[in-house]
Amino acid sequence: MINIVLPVDFGDKTEQLVNGAIKFAKEINGKIYLIHVAPSDIGFAIGDMGFQYFPEVEENEIREELVQLNKIEQRILAHDVDCEHLLKQGIAKDIILEYARAKKADYIVVGSHGRSEIYDVFVGSLTKGLSKSSDIPLLILPIHD
């Protein structure tokens, strides 16, 4: 079986990315290892008193993201594609690469939004970062409008 790591961010193009990964997995008899990396600073806020940490905000956000991840996993399984998932907090590129290596991934499937270089300078691009750092082949699906 071919191992495929599929990072998701629950953005507006996630469904399109998941559909592409399902199609790819079916074509090559692959198993999808679904991963979502939540930021480490979910529970932090800046207010009048400076930085404050609200653990209940972080717990609620993580709980909601886990529900979303479970729904995506169930959708993949409904297409007769083997799947398991992981939710971790940290730096997305590093966590994804670590997970892909641990699962002996043959591919990492990511999306390309087709944004401009100027966007990447200010916001960054996970796909671009992975392409520079990964020794595992990336399948980049175009998921722009």
C-alpha atoms as a PDB file:
ATOM      1  CA  MET A   1       0.000   0.000   0.000  1.00  0.00           C
ATOM      2  CA  ILE A   2       1.160   3.534  -0.829  1.00  0.00           C
ATOM      3  CA  ASN A   3       1.190   5.970   2.110  1.00  0.00           C
ATOM      4  CA  ILE A   4      -0.120   9.481   1.473  1.00  0.00           C
ATOM      5  CA  VAL A   5       0.059  12.322   3.981  1.00  0.00           C
ATOM      6  CA  LEU A   6      -2.684  14.892   3.479  1.00  0.00           C
ATOM      7  CA  PRO A   7      -2.387  18.124   5.493  1.00  0.00           C
ATOM      8  CA  VAL A   8      -5.635  20.099   5.800  1.00  0.00           C
ATOM      9  CA  ASP A   9      -6.338  23.559   7.159  1.00  0.00           C
ATOM     10  CA  PHE A  10     -10.179  23.610   6.981  1.00  0.00           C
ATOM     11  CA  GLY A  11     -10.062  26.534   4.561  1.00  0.00           C
ATOM     12  CA  ASP A  12     -12.534  27.083   1.748  1.00  0.00           C
ATOM     13  CA  LYS A  13     -10.527  24.836  -0.609  1.00  0.00           C
ATOM     14  CA  THR A  14     -10.169  21.875   1.767  1.00  0.00           C
ATOM     15  CA  GLU A  15     -12.992  19.912   0.140  1.00  0.00           C
ATOM     16  CA  GLN A  16     -11.390  20.298  -3.283  1.00  0.00           C
ATOM     17  CA  LEU A  17      -8.022  19.139  -1.889  1.00  0.00           C
ATOM     18  CA  VAL A  18      -9.570  16.141  -0.136  1.00  0.00           C
ATOM     19  CA  ASN A  19     -11.425  15.137  -3.314  1.00  0.00           C
ATOM     20  CA  GLY A  20      -8.164  15.217  -5.265  1.00  0.00           C
ATOM     21  CA  ALA A  21      -6.391  13.154  -2.614  1.00  0.00           C
ATOM     22  CA  ILE A  22      -9.199  10.576  -2.590  1.00  0.00           C
ATOM     23  CA  LYS A  23      -8.994  10.250  -6.367  1.00  0.00           C
ATOM     24  CA  PHE A  24      -5.201   9.863  -6.208  1.00  0.00           C
ATOM     25  CA  ALA A  25      -5.389   7.309  -3.385  1.00  0.00           C
ATOM     26  CA  LYS A  26      -7.928   5.216  -5.299  1.00  0.00           C
ATOM     27  CA  GLU A  27      -5.733   5.233  -8.419  1.00  0.00           C
ATOM     28  CA  ILE A  28      -2.632   3.992  -6.608  1.00  0.00           C
ATOM     29  CA  ASN A  29      -4.210   1.906  -3.820  1.00  0.00           C
ATOM     30  CA  GLY A  30      -3.110   4.397  -1.200  1.00  0.00           C
ATOM     31  CA  LYS A  31      -3.836   5.000   2.446  1.00  0.00           C
ATOM     32  CA  ILE A  32      -4.376   8.601   3.528  1.00  0.00           C
ATOM     33  CA  TYR A  33      -2.795   9.899   6.693  1.00  0.00           C
ATOM     34  CA  LEU A  34      -4.801  13.021   7.362  1.00  0.00           C
ATOM     35  CA  ILE A  35      -3.163  15.725   9.478  1.00  0.00           C
ATOM     36  CA  HIS A  36      -4.155  19.133  10.763  1.00  0.00           C
ATOM     37  CA  VAL A  37      -1.604  21.326  12.502  1.00  0.00           C
ATOM     38  CA  ALA A  38      -3.128  23.918  14.800  1.00  0.00           C
ATOM     39  CA  PRO A  39      -1.066  26.962  15.739  1.00  0.00           C
ATOM     40  CA  SER A  40       0.613  26.911  19.133  1.00  0.00           C
ATOM     41  CA  ASP A  41      -0.841  30.285  20.079  1.00  0.00           C
ATOM     42  CA  ILE A  42      -4.575  29.548  19.813  1.00  0.00           C
ATOM     43  CA  GLY A  43      -5.368  30.502  23.405  1.00  0.00           C
ATOM     44  CA  PHE A  44      -3.367  33.719  23.478  1.00  0.00           C
ATOM     45  CA  ALA A  45      -4.856  37.175  23.149  1.00  0.00           C
ATOM     46  CA  ILE A  46      -3.507  40.684  23.441  1.00  0.00           C
ATOM     47  CA  GLY A  47      -5.513  43.003  25.640  1.00  0.00           C
ATOM     48  CA  ASP A  48      -5.127  45.956  27.956  1.00  0.00           C
ATOM     49  CA  MET A  49      -3.016  43.824  30.251  1.00  0.00           C
ATOM     50  CA  GLY A  50      -0.711  42.549  27.499  1.00  0.00           C
ATOM     51  CA  PHE A  51      -0.542  38.930  26.435  1.00  0.00           C
ATOM     52  CA  GLN A  52      -2.997  36.663  28.196  1.00  0.00           C
ATOM     53  CA  TYR A  53      -3.559  32.945  27.863  1.00  0.00           C
ATOM     54  CA  PHE A  54      -7.067  31.475  27.863  1.00  0.00           C
ATOM     55  CA  PRO A  55      -6.863  27.668  28.030  1.00  0.00           C
ATOM     56  CA  GLU A  56     -10.629  27.274  27.563  1.00  0.00           C
ATOM     57  CA  VAL A  57     -10.403  29.063  24.188  1.00  0.00           C
ATOM     58  CA  GLU A  58      -7.617  26.718  23.105  1.00  0.00           C
ATOM     59  CA  GLU A  59      -9.512  23.629  24.302  1.00  0.00           C
ATOM     60  CA  ASN A  60     -12.703  24.655  22.482  1.00  0.00           C
ATOM     61  CA  GLU A  61     -10.857  25.433  19.253  1.00  0.00           C
ATOM     62  CA  ILE A  62      -8.957  22.123  19.344  1.00  0.00           C
ATOM     63  CA  ARG A  63     -12.201  20.252  20.069  1.00  0.00           C
ATOM     64  CA  GLU A  64     -13.915  21.890  17.062  1.00  0.00           C
ATOM     65  CA  GLU A  65     -10.958  21.160  14.787  1.00  0.00           C
ATOM     66  CA  LEU A  66     -10.947  17.525  15.894  1.00  0.00           C
ATOM     67  CA  VAL A  67     -14.645  17.255  14.985  1.00  0.00           C
ATOM     68  CA  GLN A  68     -13.869  18.664  11.533  1.00  0.00           C
ATOM     69  CA  LEU A  69     -10.951  16.260  11.121  1.00  0.00           C
ATOM     70  CA  ASN A  70     -13.152  13.312  12.079  1.00  0.00           C
ATOM     71  CA  LYS A  71     -15.751  14.355   9.493  1.00  0.00           C
ATOM     72  CA  ILE A  72     -13.130  14.481   6.756  1.00  0.00           C
ATOM     73  CA  GLU A  73     -11.789  11.082   7.805  1.00  0.00           C
ATOM     74  CA  GLN A  74     -15.293   9.597   7.654  1.00  0.00           C
ATOM     75  CA  ARG A  75     -15.787  11.072   4.187  1.00  0.00           C
ATOM     76  CA  ILE A  76     -12.533   9.499   2.981  1.00  0.00           C
ATOM     77  CA  LEU A  77     -13.443   6.122   4.503  1.00  0.00           C
ATOM     78  CA  ALA A  78     -16.853   6.309   2.795  1.00  0.00           C
ATOM     79  CA  HIS A  79     -14.961   6.283  -0.524  1.00  0.00           C
ATOM     80  CA  ASP A  80     -13.317   2.968   0.450  1.00  0.00           C
ATOM     81  CA  VAL A  81      -9.949   4.611   1.046  1.00  0.00           C
ATOM     82  CA  ASP A  82      -8.125   3.633   4.234  1.00  0.00           C
ATOM     83  CA  CYS A  83      -7.491   6.638   6.464  1.00  0.00           C
ATOM     84  CA  GLU A  84      -6.332   7.712   9.887  1.00  0.00           C
ATOM     85  CA  HIS A  85      -5.852  11.193  11.315  1.00  0.00           C
ATOM     86  CA  LEU A  86      -3.752  13.282  13.657  1.00  0.00           C
ATOM     87  CA  LEU A  87      -4.174  16.754  15.124  1.00  0.00           C
ATOM     88  CA  LYS A  88      -1.077  18.424  16.576  1.00  0.00           C
ATOM     89  CA  GLN A  89      -0.047  21.912  17.542  1.00  0.00           C
ATOM     90  CA  GLY A  90       3.135  23.528  16.335  1.00  0.00           C
ATOM     91  CA  ILE A  91       4.859  24.743  13.207  1.00  0.00           C
ATOM     92  CA  ALA A  92       2.962  23.202  10.312  1.00  0.00           C
ATOM     93  CA  LYS A  93       5.881  22.470   7.963  1.00  0.00           C
ATOM     94  CA  ASP A  94       7.944  20.791  10.675  1.00  0.00           C
ATOM     95  CA  ILE A  95       5.065  18.739  12.099  1.00  0.00           C
ATOM     96  CA  ILE A  96       3.924  17.591   8.643  1.00  0.00           C
ATOM     97  CA  LEU A  97       7.418  16.477   7.635  1.00  0.00           C
ATOM     98  CA  GLU A  98       7.926  14.703  10.954  1.00  0.00           C
ATOM     99  CA  TYR A  99       4.576  12.897  10.554  1.00  0.00           C
ATOM    100  CA  ALA A 100       5.286  11.987   6.928  1.00  0.00           C
ATOM    101  CA  ARG A 101       8.628  10.457   7.854  1.00  0.00           C
ATOM    102  CA  ALA A 102       7.115   8.570  10.793  1.00  0.00           C
ATOM    103  CA  LYS A 103       4.412   7.111   8.530  1.00  0.00           C
ATOM    104  CA  LYS A 104       6.967   6.308   5.805  1.00  0.00           C
ATOM    105  CA  ALA A 105       4.940   8.404   3.395  1.00  0.00           C
ATOM    106  CA  ASP A 106       5.442   7.879  -0.298  1.00  0.00           C
ATOM    107  CA  TYR A 107       3.741  11.211  -1.079  1.00  0.00           C
ATOM    108  CA  ILE A 108       2.570  14.380   0.591  1.00  0.00           C
ATOM    109  CA  VAL A 109      -0.497  15.823  -1.143  1.00  0.00           C
ATOM    110  CA  VAL A 110      -0.845  19.593  -0.854  1.00  0.00           C
ATOM    111  CA  GLY A 111      -2.711  22.332  -2.650  1.00  0.00           C
ATOM    112  CA  SER A 112      -1.567  25.380  -4.525  1.00  0.00           C
ATOM    113  CA  HIS A 113      -3.855  28.380  -4.315  1.00  0.00           C
ATOM    114  CA  GLY A 114      -2.059  30.151  -7.157  1.00  0.00           C
ATOM    115  CA  ARG A 115      -1.449  33.264  -5.082  1.00  0.00           C
ATOM    116  CA  SER A 116       1.150  35.842  -6.009  1.00  0.00           C
ATOM    117  CA  GLU A 117       4.746  35.931  -4.837  1.00  0.00           C
ATOM    118  CA  ILE A 118       3.994  39.074  -2.847  1.00  0.00           C
ATOM    119  CA  TYR A 119       1.396  37.099  -0.845  1.00  0.00           C
ATOM    120  CA  ASP A 120       4.037  34.473  -0.049  1.00  0.00           C
ATOM    121  CA  VAL A 121       6.449  37.162   1.171  1.00  0.00           C
ATOM    122  CA  PHE A 122       3.988  38.505   3.729  1.00  0.00           C
ATOM    123  CA  VAL A 123       1.946  35.434   4.637  1.00  0.00           C
ATOM    124  CA  GLY A 124       4.158  32.523   3.659  1.00  0.00           C
ATOM    125  CA  SER A 125       3.303  29.390   1.788  1.00  0.00           C
ATOM    126  CA  LEU A 126       3.202  25.979   3.391  1.00  0.00           C
ATOM    127  CA  THR A 127       3.417  24.297  -0.012  1.00  0.00           C
ATOM    128  CA  LYS A 128       6.470  26.362  -0.920  1.00  0.00           C
ATOM    129  CA  GLY A 129       8.112  25.572   2.424  1.00  0.00           C
ATOM    130  CA  LEU A 130       7.431  21.867   2.076  1.00  0.00           C
ATOM    131  CA  SER A 131       8.766  21.813  -1.477  1.00  0.00           C
ATOM    132  CA  LYS A 132      12.049  23.291  -0.270  1.00  0.00           C
ATOM    133  CA  SER A 133      12.408  21.019   2.767  1.00  0.00           C
ATOM    134  CA  SER A 134      10.837  17.675   1.915  1.00  0.00           C
ATOM    135  CA  ASP A 135      12.752  14.624   0.776  1.00  0.00           C
ATOM    136  CA  ILE A 136       9.338  12.996   0.203  1.00  0.00           C
ATOM    137  CA  PRO A 137       7.710  13.689  -3.182  1.00  0.00           C
ATOM    138  CA  LEU A 138       4.930  16.270  -3.146  1.00  0.00           C
ATOM    139  CA  LEU A 139       1.829  16.012  -5.276  1.00  0.00           C
ATOM    140  CA  ILE A 140       0.685  19.602  -5.669  1.00  0.00           C
ATOM    141  CA  LEU A 141      -2.949  19.950  -6.689  1.00  0.00           C
ATOM    142  CA  PRO A 142      -4.145  23.237  -8.167  1.00  0.00           C
ATOM    143  CA  ILE A 143      -7.030  24.348  -5.969  1.00  0.00           C
ATOM    144  CA  HIS A 144      -7.504  27.921  -7.062  1.00  0.00           C
ATOM    145  CA  ASP A 145     -10.643  29.294  -8.676  1.00  0.00           C
END
